[in-house]
Every structure is written in structure tokens, then in C-alpha cells.
Amino acid sequence: MEIRFVYMTAGNMDEASQIAKTLVQRRLAACVNIIDGMRSVYEWKGTLQEEREVVMIAKTRADCLPDLVEAVKGMHSYDCPCIVGLDVLDGNNAFLDWIRAQVGPVSVADNEWHAKQD
């Protein structure tokens, strides 16, 4: 299963935290990093904007990305939220296996992976 990191932004820490917790609880993401203090400059409806935002980076499987996108869109305060999936080409295999085990329905293979870690 291919892994994706999903770059997202939110308007504030409360929104980012709620989105992150929901994604992990629903097993749509193994983990979500929340990084406060970003500034974004963009044009919206013909006006230049500069706003403080919060970055979120979710770790998920490619097959779960469509459901993750829909879940975030349903919770997000923005009309057009930034939700972008990025391919993970390589990395620490143990970490990538952990993502695979944490995301999606719980399976026997997932339980076996967790048992090996104890």
C-alpha cells in the first residue's frame, strides 16, 4: 500500500486540533502533525490577503486519501481548504509499516504488527 503525506492548513489551532483528532479516531490518518504560526499570502476574490494559519501534515495510505479529503472538507471552515496528497517515495520501513497498520479497518495483519512491537 502506497503512503501519502497530506499537507493541509486551518485557520486556527482549535480547528486544526479537531480535524487532526477526528482523522486519527476515524483511522483516516495514523498521525497528524500540527504546526502553528504560519503566515499565508494569497489573493481571494480579487483582494490580496495575509493571514495567520496552522499547518497540518497527515500520514495516511493512498487508498484512504479520498475519504480523508471528504472528511476534512466536511469539518473545515474554509470555502476552499488546502488538502494536498504528496507521494512518499521511501523512508524508514518500520515507520511506513506503522502507518499502514494504523490507517483503515483493523485487520489481523495490523494486530500482528502491533504484537511484534511489544
PDB file of N, CA and C in Angstrom:
ATOM      1  N   MET A   1       0.837  -1.188   0.000  1.00  0.00           N
ATOM      2  CA  MET A   1       0.000   0.000   0.000  1.00  0.00           C
ATOM      3  C   MET A   1       0.876   1.244   0.000  1.00  0.00           C
ATOM      4  N   GLU A   2       0.579   2.134  -0.911  1.00  0.00           N
ATOM      5  CA  GLU A   2       1.346   3.366  -1.017  1.00  0.00           C
ATOM      6  C   GLU A   2       0.968   4.329   0.101  1.00  0.00           C
ATOM      7  N   ILE A   3       1.960   5.098   0.539  1.00  0.00           N
ATOM      8  CA  ILE A   3       1.781   6.055   1.628  1.00  0.00           C
ATOM      9  C   ILE A   3       1.712   7.462   1.060  1.00  0.00           C
ATOM     10  N   ARG A   4       0.875   8.289   1.670  1.00  0.00           N
ATOM     11  CA  ARG A   4       0.769   9.708   1.315  1.00  0.00           C
ATOM     12  C   ARG A   4       0.938  10.550   2.569  1.00  0.00           C
ATOM     13  N   PHE A   5       1.652  11.655   2.434  1.00  0.00           N
ATOM     14  CA  PHE A   5       1.620  12.719   3.425  1.00  0.00           C
ATOM     15  C   PHE A   5       0.643  13.744   2.875  1.00  0.00           C
ATOM     16  N   VAL A   6      -0.233  14.241   3.707  1.00  0.00           N
ATOM     17  CA  VAL A   6      -1.266  15.172   3.260  1.00  0.00           C
ATOM     18  C   VAL A   6      -1.020  16.517   3.922  1.00  0.00           C
ATOM     19  N   TYR A   7      -0.704  17.511   3.093  1.00  0.00           N
ATOM     20  CA  TYR A   7      -0.467  18.876   3.555  1.00  0.00           C
ATOM     21  C   TYR A   7      -1.808  19.597   3.588  1.00  0.00           C
ATOM     22  N   MET A   8      -2.123  20.187   4.745  1.00  0.00           N
ATOM     23  CA  MET A   8      -3.384  20.913   4.906  1.00  0.00           C
ATOM     24  C   MET A   8      -3.120  22.162   5.737  1.00  0.00           C
ATOM     25  N   THR A   9      -4.029  23.118   5.650  1.00  0.00           N
ATOM     26  CA  THR A   9      -3.967  24.293   6.515  1.00  0.00           C
ATOM     27  C   THR A   9      -5.325  24.504   7.174  1.00  0.00           C
ATOM     28  N   ALA A  10      -5.284  25.182   8.322  1.00  0.00           N
ATOM     29  CA  ALA A  10      -6.508  25.541   9.048  1.00  0.00           C
ATOM     30  C   ALA A  10      -6.364  26.973   9.537  1.00  0.00           C
ATOM     31  N   GLY A  11      -7.477  27.573   9.901  1.00  0.00           N
ATOM     32  CA  GLY A  11      -7.485  28.965  10.323  1.00  0.00           C
ATOM     33  C   GLY A  11      -6.993  29.204  11.735  1.00  0.00           C
ATOM     34  N   ASN A  12      -7.036  28.158  12.588  1.00  0.00           N
ATOM     35  CA  ASN A  12      -6.590  28.328  13.972  1.00  0.00           C
ATOM     36  C   ASN A  12      -6.294  26.960  14.586  1.00  0.00           C
ATOM     37  N   MET A  13      -5.684  26.986  15.774  1.00  0.00           N
ATOM     38  CA  MET A  13      -5.282  25.745  16.444  1.00  0.00           C
ATOM     39  C   MET A  13      -6.470  24.871  16.834  1.00  0.00           C
ATOM     40  N   ASP A  14      -7.562  25.480  17.262  1.00  0.00           N
ATOM     41  CA  ASP A  14      -8.729  24.684  17.659  1.00  0.00           C
ATOM     42  C   ASP A  14      -9.253  23.869  16.484  1.00  0.00           C
ATOM     43  N   GLU A  15      -9.379  24.515  15.334  1.00  0.00           N
ATOM     44  CA  GLU A  15      -9.862  23.811  14.148  1.00  0.00           C
ATOM     45  C   GLU A  15      -8.880  22.718  13.736  1.00  0.00           C
ATOM     46  N   ALA A  16      -7.593  23.032  13.721  1.00  0.00           N
ATOM     47  CA  ALA A  16      -6.579  22.046  13.344  1.00  0.00           C
ATOM     48  C   ALA A  16      -6.604  20.849  14.289  1.00  0.00           C
ATOM     49  N   SER A  17      -6.700  21.105  15.576  1.00  0.00           N
ATOM     50  CA  SER A  17      -6.719  20.030  16.566  1.00  0.00           C
ATOM     51  C   SER A  17      -7.945  19.140  16.392  1.00  0.00           C
ATOM     52  N   GLN A  18      -9.096  19.741  16.156  1.00  0.00           N
ATOM     53  CA  GLN A  18     -10.318  18.961  15.964  1.00  0.00           C
ATOM     54  C   GLN A  18     -10.225  18.100  14.710  1.00  0.00           C
ATOM     55  N   ILE A  19      -9.728  18.674  13.624  1.00  0.00           N
ATOM     56  CA  ILE A  19      -9.562  17.905  12.387  1.00  0.00           C
ATOM     57  C   ILE A  19      -8.594  16.751  12.619  1.00  0.00           C
ATOM     58  N   ALA A  20      -7.457  17.034  13.242  1.00  0.00           N
ATOM     59  CA  ALA A  20      -6.437  16.006  13.479  1.00  0.00           C
ATOM     60  C   ALA A  20      -6.990  14.860  14.320  1.00  0.00           C
ATOM     61  N   LYS A  21      -7.637  15.188  15.418  1.00  0.00           N
ATOM     62  CA  LYS A  21      -8.180  14.150  16.298  1.00  0.00           C
ATOM     63  C   LYS A  21      -9.219  13.296  15.579  1.00  0.00           C
ATOM     64  N   THR A  22     -10.073  13.931  14.804  1.00  0.00           N
ATOM     65  CA  THR A  22     -11.104  13.191  14.076  1.00  0.00           C
ATOM     66  C   THR A  22     -10.483  12.250  13.052  1.00  0.00           C
ATOM     67  N   LEU A  23      -9.477  12.720  12.316  1.00  0.00           N
ATOM     68  CA  LEU A  23      -8.837  11.870  11.307  1.00  0.00           C
ATOM     69  C   LEU A  23      -8.184  10.647  11.942  1.00  0.00           C
ATOM     70  N   VAL A  24      -7.522  10.832  13.076  1.00  0.00           N
ATOM     71  CA  VAL A  24      -6.873   9.700  13.750  1.00  0.00           C
ATOM     72  C   VAL A  24      -7.926   8.764  14.347  1.00  0.00           C
ATOM     73  N   GLN A  25      -8.957   9.319  14.985  1.00  0.00           N
ATOM     74  CA  GLN A  25     -10.009   8.481  15.575  1.00  0.00           C
ATOM     75  C   GLN A  25     -10.742   7.659  14.524  1.00  0.00           C
ATOM     76  N   ARG A  26     -10.937   8.231  13.342  1.00  0.00           N
ATOM     77  CA  ARG A  26     -11.622   7.512  12.257  1.00  0.00           C
ATOM     78  C   ARG A  26     -10.678   6.610  11.469  1.00  0.00           C
ATOM     79  N   ARG A  27      -9.413   6.559  11.870  1.00  0.00           N
ATOM     80  CA  ARG A  27      -8.382   5.764  11.205  1.00  0.00           C
ATOM     81  C   ARG A  27      -8.172   6.181   9.757  1.00  0.00           C
ATOM     82  N   LEU A  28      -8.385   7.461   9.479  1.00  0.00           N
ATOM     83  CA  LEU A  28      -8.080   8.011   8.162  1.00  0.00           C
ATOM     84  C   LEU A  28      -6.646   8.519   8.102  1.00  0.00           C
ATOM     85  N   ALA A  29      -6.024   8.717   9.251  1.00  0.00           N
ATOM     86  CA  ALA A  29      -4.618   9.118   9.343  1.00  0.00           C
ATOM     87  C   ALA A  29      -3.996   8.410  10.538  1.00  0.00           C
ATOM     88  N   ALA A  30      -2.740   8.027  10.389  1.00  0.00           N
ATOM     89  CA  ALA A  30      -2.016   7.420  11.509  1.00  0.00           C
ATOM     90  C   ALA A  30      -1.584   8.481  12.501  1.00  0.00           C
ATOM     91  N   CYS A  31      -1.287   9.654  11.994  1.00  0.00           N
ATOM     92  CA  CYS A  31      -0.736  10.743  12.796  1.00  0.00           C
ATOM     93  C   CYS A  31      -0.976  12.039  12.038  1.00  0.00           C
ATOM     94  N   VAL A  32      -1.159  13.115  12.766  1.00  0.00           N
ATOM     95  CA  VAL A  32      -1.249  14.443  12.148  1.00  0.00           C
ATOM     96  C   VAL A  32      -0.350  15.384  12.938  1.00  0.00           C
ATOM     97  N   ASN A  33       0.645  15.946  12.262  1.00  0.00           N
ATOM     98  CA  ASN A  33       1.476  16.983  12.877  1.00  0.00           C
ATOM     99  C   ASN A  33       0.758  18.309  12.736  1.00  0.00           C
ATOM    100  N   ILE A  34       0.790  19.120  13.786  1.00  0.00           N
ATOM    101  CA  ILE A  34       0.172  20.446  13.779  1.00  0.00           C
ATOM    102  C   ILE A  34       1.268  21.463  14.044  1.00  0.00           C
ATOM    103  N   ILE A  35       1.426  22.403  13.117  1.00  0.00           N
ATOM    104  CA  ILE A  35       2.481  23.413  13.204  1.00  0.00           C
ATOM    105  C   ILE A  35       1.827  24.786  13.182  1.00  0.00           C
ATOM    106  N   ASP A  36       1.896  25.479  14.292  1.00  0.00           N
ATOM    107  CA  ASP A  36       1.269  26.798  14.420  1.00  0.00           C
ATOM    108  C   ASP A  36       2.219  27.892  13.929  1.00  0.00           C
ATOM    109  N   GLY A  37       1.647  29.043  13.609  1.00  0.00           N
ATOM    110  CA  GLY A  37       2.451  30.230  13.349  1.00  0.00           C
ATOM    111  C   GLY A  37       2.809  30.494  11.900  1.00  0.00           C
ATOM    112  N   MET A  38       2.196  29.821  10.950  1.00  0.00           N
ATOM    113  CA  MET A  38       2.480  30.076   9.545  1.00  0.00           C
ATOM    114  C   MET A  38       1.731  31.325   9.079  1.00  0.00           C
ATOM    115  N   ARG A  39       2.320  32.065   8.162  1.00  0.00           N
ATOM    116  CA  ARG A  39       1.652  33.199   7.519  1.00  0.00           C
ATOM    117  C   ARG A  39       1.435  32.844   6.057  1.00  0.00           C
ATOM    118  N   SER A  40       0.249  33.085   5.557  1.00  0.00           N
ATOM    119  CA  SER A  40      -0.069  32.838   4.154  1.00  0.00           C
ATOM    120  C   SER A  40      -0.435  34.145   3.479  1.00  0.00           C
ATOM    121  N   VAL A  41       0.082  34.332   2.283  1.00  0.00           N
ATOM    122  CA  VAL A  41      -0.261  35.480   1.449  1.00  0.00           C
ATOM    123  C   VAL A  41      -0.892  34.917   0.184  1.00  0.00           C
ATOM    124  N   TYR A  42      -2.088  35.387  -0.148  1.00  0.00           N
ATOM    125  CA  TYR A  42      -2.810  34.863  -1.297  1.00  0.00           C
ATOM    126  C   TYR A  42      -3.843  35.891  -1.754  1.00  0.00           C
ATOM    127  N   GLU A  43      -4.350  35.688  -2.953  1.00  0.00           N
ATOM    128  CA  GLU A  43      -5.437  36.527  -3.450  1.00  0.00           C
ATOM    129  C   GLU A  43      -6.727  35.729  -3.355  1.00  0.00           C
ATOM    130  N   TRP A  44      -7.766  36.341  -2.807  1.00  0.00           N
ATOM    131  CA  TRP A  44      -9.069  35.696  -2.692  1.00  0.00           C
ATOM    132  C   TRP A  44     -10.137  36.693  -3.091  1.00  0.00           C
ATOM    133  N   LYS A  45     -10.907  36.331  -4.118  1.00  0.00           N
ATOM    134  CA  LYS A  45     -11.991  37.172  -4.625  1.00  0.00           C
ATOM    135  C   LYS A  45     -11.497  38.576  -4.950  1.00  0.00           C
ATOM    136  N   GLY A  46     -10.309  38.630  -5.590  1.00  0.00           N
ATOM    137  CA  GLY A  46      -9.772  39.893  -6.079  1.00  0.00           C
ATOM    138  C   GLY A  46      -9.046  40.747  -5.058  1.00  0.00           C
ATOM    139  N   THR A  47      -8.895  40.264  -3.840  1.00  0.00           N
ATOM    140  CA  THR A  47      -8.247  41.047  -2.788  1.00  0.00           C
ATOM    141  C   THR A  47      -7.050  40.283  -2.238  1.00  0.00           C
ATOM    142  N   LEU A  48      -5.923  40.988  -2.097  1.00  0.00           N
ATOM    143  CA  LEU A  48      -4.736  40.386  -1.508  1.00  0.00           C
ATOM    144  C   LEU A  48      -4.958  40.184  -0.013  1.00  0.00           C
ATOM    145  N   GLN A  49      -4.685  38.974   0.448  1.00  0.00           N
ATOM    146  CA  GLN A  49      -4.892  38.610   1.844  1.00  0.00           C
ATOM    147  C   GLN A  49      -3.564  38.201   2.469  1.00  0.00           C
ATOM    148  N   GLU A  50      -3.405  38.465   3.755  1.00  0.00           N
ATOM    149  CA  GLU A  50      -2.303  37.907   4.538  1.00  0.00           C
ATOM    150  C   GLU A  50      -2.886  37.465   5.867  1.00  0.00           C
ATOM    151  N   GLU A  51      -2.798  36.169   6.128  1.00  0.00           N
ATOM    152  CA  GLU A  51      -3.451  35.591   7.302  1.00  0.00           C
ATOM    153  C   GLU A  51      -2.516  34.643   8.037  1.00  0.00           C
ATOM    154  N   ARG A  52      -2.730  34.528   9.320  1.00  0.00           N
ATOM    155  CA  ARG A  52      -2.061  33.508  10.126  1.00  0.00           C
ATOM    156  C   ARG A  52      -2.816  32.200   9.906  1.00  0.00           C
ATOM    157  N   GLU A  53      -2.082  31.120   9.727  1.00  0.00           N
ATOM    158  CA  GLU A  53      -2.695  29.809   9.551  1.00  0.00           C
ATOM    159  C   GLU A  53      -1.924  28.763  10.347  1.00  0.00           C
ATOM    160  N   VAL A  54      -2.493  27.594  10.411  1.00  0.00           N
ATOM    161  CA  VAL A  54      -1.887  26.446  11.076  1.00  0.00           C
ATOM    162  C   VAL A  54      -1.702  25.358  10.021  1.00  0.00           C
ATOM    163  N   VAL A  55      -0.512  24.786   9.959  1.00  0.00           N
ATOM    164  CA  VAL A  55      -0.214  23.704   9.020  1.00  0.00           C
ATOM    165  C   VAL A  55      -0.511  22.365   9.684  1.00  0.00           C
ATOM    166  N   MET A  56      -1.083  21.463   8.919  1.00  0.00           N
ATOM    167  CA  MET A  56      -1.270  20.080   9.360  1.00  0.00           C
ATOM    168  C   MET A  56      -0.640  19.161   8.320  1.00  0.00           C
ATOM    169  N   ILE A  57       0.069  18.141   8.783  1.00  0.00           N
ATOM    170  CA  ILE A  57       0.627  17.131   7.893  1.00  0.00           C
ATOM    171  C   ILE A  57       0.149  15.776   8.399  1.00  0.00           C
ATOM    172  N   ALA A  58      -0.724  15.154   7.623  1.00  0.00           N
ATOM    173  CA  ALA A  58      -1.279  13.849   7.997  1.00  0.00           C
ATOM    174  C   ALA A  58      -0.533  12.747   7.264  1.00  0.00           C
ATOM    175  N   LYS A  59      -0.386  11.603   7.927  1.00  0.00           N
ATOM    176  CA  LYS A  59       0.215  10.426   7.315  1.00  0.00           C
ATOM    177  C   LYS A  59      -0.888   9.408   7.091  1.00  0.00           C
ATOM    178  N   THR A  60      -1.042   8.969   5.830  1.00  0.00           N
ATOM    179  CA  THR A  60      -2.133   8.061   5.505  1.00  0.00           C
ATOM    180  C   THR A  60      -1.727   7.114   4.384  1.00  0.00           C
ATOM    181  N   ARG A  61      -2.654   6.242   4.014  1.00  0.00           N
ATOM    182  CA  ARG A  61      -2.473   5.358   2.863  1.00  0.00           C
ATOM    183  C   ARG A  61      -3.182   5.979   1.667  1.00  0.00           C
ATOM    184  N   ALA A  62      -2.661   5.694   0.480  1.00  0.00           N
ATOM    185  CA  ALA A  62      -3.234   6.249  -0.742  1.00  0.00           C
ATOM    186  C   ALA A  62      -4.704   5.871  -0.898  1.00  0.00           C
ATOM    187  N   ASP A  63      -5.063   4.645  -0.529  1.00  0.00           N
ATOM    188  CA  ASP A  63      -6.447   4.203  -0.705  1.00  0.00           C
ATOM    189  C   ASP A  63      -7.416   4.898   0.245  1.00  0.00           C
ATOM    190  N   CYS A  64      -6.904   5.518   1.305  1.00  0.00           N
ATOM    191  CA  CYS A  64      -7.753   6.237   2.263  1.00  0.00           C
ATOM    192  C   CYS A  64      -7.812   7.737   1.986  1.00  0.00           C
ATOM    193  N   LEU A  65      -7.001   8.215   1.046  1.00  0.00           N
ATOM    194  CA  LEU A  65      -6.939   9.653   0.784  1.00  0.00           C
ATOM    195  C   LEU A  65      -8.281  10.255   0.369  1.00  0.00           C
ATOM    196  N   PRO A  66      -9.053   9.639  -0.528  1.00  0.00           N
ATOM    197  CA  PRO A  66     -10.343  10.247  -0.887  1.00  0.00           C
ATOM    198  C   PRO A  66     -11.271  10.441   0.316  1.00  0.00           C
ATOM    199  N   ASP A  67     -11.337   9.461   1.210  1.00  0.00           N
ATOM    200  CA  ASP A  67     -12.180   9.594   2.404  1.00  0.00           C
ATOM    201  C   ASP A  67     -11.643  10.669   3.338  1.00  0.00           C
ATOM    202  N   LEU A  68     -10.320  10.766   3.460  1.00  0.00           N
ATOM    203  CA  LEU A  68      -9.706  11.808   4.286  1.00  0.00           C
ATOM    204  C   LEU A  68     -10.068  13.188   3.742  1.00  0.00           C
ATOM    205  N   VAL A  69      -9.943  13.367   2.433  1.00  0.00           N
ATOM    206  CA  VAL A  69     -10.267  14.660   1.812  1.00  0.00           C
ATOM    207  C   VAL A  69     -11.717  15.036   2.096  1.00  0.00           C
ATOM    208  N   GLU A  70     -12.634  14.109   1.917  1.00  0.00           N
ATOM    209  CA  GLU A  70     -14.050  14.404   2.153  1.00  0.00           C
ATOM    210  C   GLU A  70     -14.320  14.718   3.621  1.00  0.00           C
ATOM    211  N   ALA A  71     -13.667  13.994   4.524  1.00  0.00           N
ATOM    212  CA  ALA A  71     -13.849  14.259   5.955  1.00  0.00           C
ATOM    213  C   ALA A  71     -13.366  15.658   6.312  1.00  0.00           C
ATOM    214  N   VAL A  72     -12.198  16.042   5.817  1.00  0.00           N
ATOM    215  CA  VAL A  72     -11.660  17.374   6.124  1.00  0.00           C
ATOM    216  C   VAL A  72     -12.557  18.454   5.528  1.00  0.00           C
ATOM    217  N   LYS A  73     -12.985  18.287   4.290  1.00  0.00           N
ATOM    218  CA  LYS A  73     -13.876  19.281   3.674  1.00  0.00           C
ATOM    219  C   LYS A  73     -15.149  19.453   4.497  1.00  0.00           C
ATOM    220  N   GLY A  74     -15.657  18.371   5.060  1.00  0.00           N
ATOM    221  CA  GLY A  74     -16.869  18.433   5.861  1.00  0.00           C
ATOM    222  C   GLY A  74     -16.701  19.132   7.197  1.00  0.00           C
ATOM    223  N   MET A  75     -15.479  19.168   7.713  1.00  0.00           N
ATOM    224  CA  MET A  75     -15.216  19.796   9.016  1.00  0.00           C
ATOM    225  C   MET A  75     -14.644  21.202   8.896  1.00  0.00           C
ATOM    226  N   HIS A  76     -14.150  21.565   7.735  1.00  0.00           N
ATOM    227  CA  HIS A  76     -13.332  22.766   7.576  1.00  0.00           C
ATOM    228  C   HIS A  76     -14.166  24.035   7.459  1.00  0.00           C
ATOM    229  N   SER A  77     -13.625  25.133   7.983  1.00  0.00           N
ATOM    230  CA  SER A  77     -14.317  26.427   7.922  1.00  0.00           C
ATOM    231  C   SER A  77     -14.085  27.156   6.601  1.00  0.00           C
ATOM    232  N   TYR A  78     -13.074  26.765   5.834  1.00  0.00           N
ATOM    233  CA  TYR A  78     -12.760  27.456   4.574  1.00  0.00           C
ATOM    234  C   TYR A  78     -13.691  26.998   3.454  1.00  0.00           C
ATOM    235  N   ASP A  79     -13.972  27.903   2.510  1.00  0.00           N
ATOM    236  CA  ASP A  79     -14.725  27.544   1.310  1.00  0.00           C
ATOM    237  C   ASP A  79     -13.923  26.594   0.422  1.00  0.00           C
ATOM    238  N   CYS A  80     -12.613  26.803   0.382  1.00  0.00           N
ATOM    239  CA  CYS A  80     -11.729  26.033  -0.497  1.00  0.00           C
ATOM    240  C   CYS A  80     -10.473  25.628   0.280  1.00  0.00           C
ATOM    241  N   PRO A  81     -10.593  24.634   1.179  1.00  0.00           N
ATOM    242  CA  PRO A  81      -9.441  24.284   2.018  1.00  0.00           C
ATOM    243  C   PRO A  81      -8.305  23.640   1.224  1.00  0.00           C
ATOM    244  N   CYS A  82      -7.086  23.916   1.656  1.00  0.00           N
ATOM    245  CA  CYS A  82      -5.893  23.283   1.093  1.00  0.00           C
ATOM    246  C   CYS A  82      -5.790  21.871   1.657  1.00  0.00           C
ATOM    247  N   ILE A  83      -5.920  20.881   0.787  1.00  0.00           N
ATOM    248  CA  ILE A  83      -5.758  19.468   1.157  1.00  0.00           C
ATOM    249  C   ILE A  83      -5.029  18.824  -0.020  1.00  0.00           C
ATOM    250  N   VAL A  84      -3.737  18.553   0.133  1.00  0.00           N
ATOM    251  CA  VAL A  84      -2.923  18.082  -0.982  1.00  0.00           C
ATOM    252  C   VAL A  84      -2.162  16.826  -0.575  1.00  0.00           C
ATOM    253  N   GLY A  85      -2.374  15.734  -1.293  1.00  0.00           N
ATOM    254  CA  GLY A  85      -1.657  14.490  -1.021  1.00  0.00           C
ATOM    255  C   GLY A  85      -0.324  14.456  -1.744  1.00  0.00           C
ATOM    256  N   LEU A  86       0.727  14.095  -1.016  1.00  0.00           N
ATOM    257  CA  LEU A  86       2.079  14.024  -1.568  1.00  0.00           C
ATOM    258  C   LEU A  86       2.591  12.590  -1.463  1.00  0.00           C
ATOM    259  N   ASP A  87       3.154  12.074  -2.553  1.00  0.00           N
ATOM    260  CA  ASP A  87       3.696  10.720  -2.555  1.00  0.00           C
ATOM    261  C   ASP A  87       4.896  10.612  -1.622  1.00  0.00           C
ATOM    262  N   VAL A  88       4.952   9.528  -0.869  1.00  0.00           N
ATOM    263  CA  VAL A  88       6.133   9.194  -0.069  1.00  0.00           C
ATOM    264  C   VAL A  88       6.878   8.121  -0.860  1.00  0.00           C
ATOM    265  N   LEU A  89       8.073   8.443  -1.315  1.00  0.00           N
ATOM    266  CA  LEU A  89       8.812   7.543  -2.189  1.00  0.00           C
ATOM    267  C   LEU A  89       9.639   6.513  -1.437  1.00  0.00           C
ATOM    268  N   ASP A  90      10.114   6.872  -0.247  1.00  0.00           N
ATOM    269  CA  ASP A  90      10.979   5.976   0.501  1.00  0.00           C
ATOM    270  C   ASP A  90      11.067   6.469   1.933  1.00  0.00           C
ATOM    271  N   GLY A  91      11.641   5.677   2.800  1.00  0.00           N
ATOM    272  CA  GLY A  91      11.803   6.105   4.180  1.00  0.00           C
ATOM    273  C   GLY A  91      12.057   4.936   5.105  1.00  0.00           C
ATOM    274  N   ASN A  92      11.914   5.184   6.384  1.00  0.00           N
ATOM    275  CA  ASN A  92      12.082   4.168   7.417  1.00  0.00           C
ATOM    276  C   ASN A  92      10.946   3.154   7.277  1.00  0.00           C
ATOM    277  N   ASN A  93      11.280   1.948   6.858  1.00  0.00           N
ATOM    278  CA  ASN A  93      10.248   0.936   6.602  1.00  0.00           C
ATOM    279  C   ASN A  93       9.400   0.638   7.824  1.00  0.00           C
ATOM    280  N   ALA A  94       9.992   0.674   9.014  1.00  0.00           N
ATOM    281  CA  ALA A  94       9.214   0.418  10.233  1.00  0.00           C
ATOM    282  C   ALA A  94       8.144   1.493  10.415  1.00  0.00           C
ATOM    283  N   PHE A  95       8.490   2.747  10.147  1.00  0.00           N
ATOM    284  CA  PHE A  95       7.521   3.840  10.259  1.00  0.00           C
ATOM    285  C   PHE A  95       6.433   3.710   9.198  1.00  0.00           C
ATOM    286  N   LEU A  96       6.816   3.392   7.973  1.00  0.00           N
ATOM    287  CA  LEU A  96       5.834   3.239   6.900  1.00  0.00           C
ATOM    288  C   LEU A  96       4.899   2.066   7.187  1.00  0.00           C
ATOM    289  N   ASP A  97       5.442   0.982   7.742  1.00  0.00           N
ATOM    290  CA  ASP A  97       4.595  -0.156   8.131  1.00  0.00           C
ATOM    291  C   ASP A  97       3.625   0.241   9.242  1.00  0.00           C
ATOM    292  N   TRP A  98       4.084   1.071  10.172  1.00  0.00           N
ATOM    293  CA  TRP A  98       3.213   1.549  11.251  1.00  0.00           C
ATOM    294  C   TRP A  98       2.042   2.340  10.671  1.00  0.00           C
ATOM    295  N   ILE A  99       2.314   3.206   9.700  1.00  0.00           N
ATOM    296  CA  ILE A  99       1.231   3.962   9.057  1.00  0.00           C
ATOM    297  C   ILE A  99       0.232   2.995   8.439  1.00  0.00           C
ATOM    298  N   ARG A 100       0.729   2.021   7.702  1.00  0.00           N
ATOM    299  CA  ARG A 100      -0.163   1.036   7.067  1.00  0.00           C
ATOM    300  C   ARG A 100      -1.035   0.323   8.102  1.00  0.00           C
ATOM    301  N   ALA A 101      -0.459   0.020   9.261  1.00  0.00           N
ATOM    302  CA  ALA A 101      -1.195  -0.698  10.305  1.00  0.00           C
ATOM    303  C   ALA A 101      -2.217   0.183  11.013  1.00  0.00           C
ATOM    304  N   GLN A 102      -1.962   1.472  11.080  1.00  0.00           N
ATOM    305  CA  GLN A 102      -2.826   2.388  11.831  1.00  0.00           C
ATOM    306  C   GLN A 102      -4.013   2.911  11.028  1.00  0.00           C
ATOM    307  N   VAL A 103      -3.914   2.873   9.710  1.00  0.00           N
ATOM    308  CA  VAL A 103      -4.922   3.514   8.859  1.00  0.00           C
ATOM    309  C   VAL A 103      -5.826   2.455   8.242  1.00  0.00           C
ATOM    310  N   GLY A 104      -7.118   2.767   8.179  1.00  0.00           N
ATOM    311  CA  GLY A 104      -8.081   1.852   7.589  1.00  0.00           C
ATOM    312  C   GLY A 104      -8.627   0.885   8.626  1.00  0.00           C
ATOM    313  N   PRO A 105      -9.465  -0.041   8.197  1.00  0.00           N
ATOM    314  CA  PRO A 105     -10.052  -1.007   9.126  1.00  0.00           C
ATOM    315  C   PRO A 105      -8.968  -1.834   9.812  1.00  0.00           C
ATOM    316  N   VAL A 106      -9.200  -2.192  11.057  1.00  0.00           N
ATOM    317  CA  VAL A 106      -8.265  -3.033  11.798  1.00  0.00           C
ATOM    318  C   VAL A 106      -8.319  -4.436  11.205  1.00  0.00           C
ATOM    319  N   SER A 107      -7.149  -5.005  10.939  1.00  0.00           N
ATOM    320  CA  SER A 107      -7.097  -6.353  10.373  1.00  0.00           C
ATOM    321  C   SER A 107      -6.197  -7.236  11.231  1.00  0.00           C
ATOM    322  N   VAL A 108      -6.193  -8.517  10.927  1.00  0.00           N
ATOM    323  CA  VAL A 108      -5.322  -9.454  11.635  1.00  0.00           C
ATOM    324  C   VAL A 108      -3.865  -9.051  11.436  1.00  0.00           C
ATOM    325  N   ALA A 109      -3.501  -8.655  10.219  1.00  0.00           N
ATOM    326  CA  ALA A 109      -2.125  -8.234   9.940  1.00  0.00           C
ATOM    327  C   ALA A 109      -1.735  -7.034  10.798  1.00  0.00           C
ATOM    328  N   ASP A 110      -2.659  -6.090  10.983  1.00  0.00           N
ATOM    329  CA  ASP A 110      -2.379  -4.925  11.821  1.00  0.00           C
ATOM    330  C   ASP A 110      -2.110  -5.356  13.256  1.00  0.00           C
ATOM    331  N   ASN A 111      -2.951  -6.249  13.769  1.00  0.00           N
ATOM    332  CA  ASN A 111      -2.769  -6.731  15.139  1.00  0.00           C
ATOM    333  C   ASN A 111      -1.442  -7.470  15.288  1.00  0.00           C
ATOM    334  N   GLU A 112      -1.053  -8.227  14.255  1.00  0.00           N
ATOM    335  CA  GLU A 112       0.237  -8.916  14.291  1.00  0.00           C
ATOM    336  C   GLU A 112       1.380  -7.908  14.315  1.00  0.00           C
ATOM    337  N   TRP A 113       1.271  -6.823  13.549  1.00  0.00           N
ATOM    338  CA  TRP A 113       2.317  -5.794  13.545  1.00  0.00           C
ATOM    339  C   TRP A 113       2.462  -5.203  14.941  1.00  0.00           C
ATOM    340  N   HIS A 114       1.358  -4.869  15.578  1.00  0.00           N
ATOM    341  CA  HIS A 114       1.409  -4.286  16.920  1.00  0.00           C
ATOM    342  C   HIS A 114       1.973  -5.280  17.935  1.00  0.00           C
ATOM    343  N   ALA A 115       1.636  -6.557  17.794  1.00  0.00           N
ATOM    344  CA  ALA A 115       2.146  -7.573  18.719  1.00  0.00           C
ATOM    345  C   ALA A 115       3.664  -7.690  18.621  1.00  0.00           C
ATOM    346  N   LYS A 116       4.223  -7.531  17.415  1.00  0.00           N
ATOM    347  CA  LYS A 116       5.676  -7.601  17.239  1.00  0.00           C
ATOM    348  C   LYS A 116       6.385  -6.438  17.922  1.00  0.00           C
ATOM    349  N   GLN A 117       5.690  -5.328  18.116  1.00  0.00           N
ATOM    350  CA  GLN A 117       6.313  -4.144  18.701  1.00  0.00           C
ATOM    351  C   GLN A 117       6.387  -4.219  20.221  1.00  0.00           C
ATOM    352  N   ASP A 118       5.568  -5.073  20.828  1.00  0.00           N
ATOM    353  CA  ASP A 118       5.548  -5.190  22.305  1.00  0.00           C
ATOM    354  C   ASP A 118       6.725  -5.957  22.840  1.00  0.00           C
TER     355      ASP A 118
END
